[in-house]
């Protein structure tokens, strides 16, 4: 069993990296303009990479 605090810190670092990359490529603003939350999208990506199925719908 992993430490929940360490797991949260790991996920936040990954989410931050994903959001920074979306911003660097100029995609974060376009995604936000469509009504999506870039942080939520990044969390979905992390969960999917961990093997969890997360339903994700257009707002």
Protein backbone atom coordinates (compact mmCIF):
# COMPACT_ATOMS: atom_id res chain seq x y z
CA UNK A 1 0.00 0.00 0.00
CA UNK A 2 1.38 3.40 -0.91
CA UNK A 3 1.33 6.49 1.23
CA UNK A 4 -1.70 8.60 0.17
CA UNK A 5 0.24 11.85 0.62
CA UNK A 6 3.09 10.62 -1.58
CA UNK A 7 0.61 9.35 -4.18
CA UNK A 8 -1.18 12.71 -4.23
CA UNK A 9 2.13 14.54 -4.62
CA UNK A 10 3.10 12.25 -7.51
CA UNK A 11 -0.21 12.79 -9.26
CA UNK A 12 -0.03 16.56 -8.82
CA UNK A 13 3.47 16.66 -10.33
CA UNK A 14 2.29 14.66 -13.33
CA UNK A 15 -0.85 16.78 -13.70
CA UNK A 16 1.22 19.97 -13.50
CA UNK A 17 3.59 18.68 -16.19
CA UNK A 18 0.68 17.80 -18.48
CA UNK A 19 -0.98 21.19 -18.02
CA UNK A 20 2.34 23.00 -18.62
CA UNK A 21 2.80 21.04 -21.84
CA UNK A 22 -0.75 21.84 -22.96
CA UNK A 23 0.00 25.50 -22.27
CA UNK A 24 3.38 25.37 -24.03
CA UNK A 25 1.73 24.02 -27.15
CA UNK A 26 -1.01 26.63 -26.98
CA UNK A 27 -3.71 24.04 -26.43
CA UNK A 28 -4.69 24.79 -22.83
CA UNK A 29 -6.44 28.05 -23.69
CA UNK A 30 -8.33 26.49 -26.61
CA UNK A 31 -9.39 23.59 -24.41
CA UNK A 32 -10.56 25.98 -21.69
CA UNK A 33 -12.46 28.04 -24.30
CA UNK A 34 -14.39 24.88 -25.19
CA UNK A 35 -15.45 24.55 -21.56
CA UNK A 36 -13.02 21.84 -20.50
CA UNK A 37 -10.88 22.11 -17.39
CA UNK A 38 -7.26 21.33 -18.38
CA UNK A 39 -6.49 20.13 -14.83
CA UNK A 40 -9.42 17.69 -14.91
CA UNK A 41 -8.30 16.44 -18.32
CA UNK A 42 -4.82 15.85 -16.95
CA UNK A 43 -6.23 13.92 -13.98
CA UNK A 44 -8.18 11.72 -16.40
CA UNK A 45 -4.97 11.03 -18.33
CA UNK A 46 -3.14 10.08 -15.13
CA UNK A 47 -5.98 7.81 -14.02
CA UNK A 48 -6.09 6.13 -17.41
CA UNK A 49 -2.33 5.55 -17.28
CA UNK A 50 -2.83 3.92 -13.87
CA UNK A 51 -5.42 1.59 -15.40
CA UNK A 52 -8.56 3.28 -14.09
CA UNK A 53 -11.44 3.89 -16.46
CA UNK A 54 -12.76 7.41 -16.00
CA UNK A 55 -15.79 8.59 -17.94
CA UNK A 56 -15.06 11.96 -19.49
CA UNK A 57 -17.76 13.99 -21.16
CA UNK A 58 -17.90 17.30 -22.87
CA UNK A 59 -19.15 19.98 -20.45
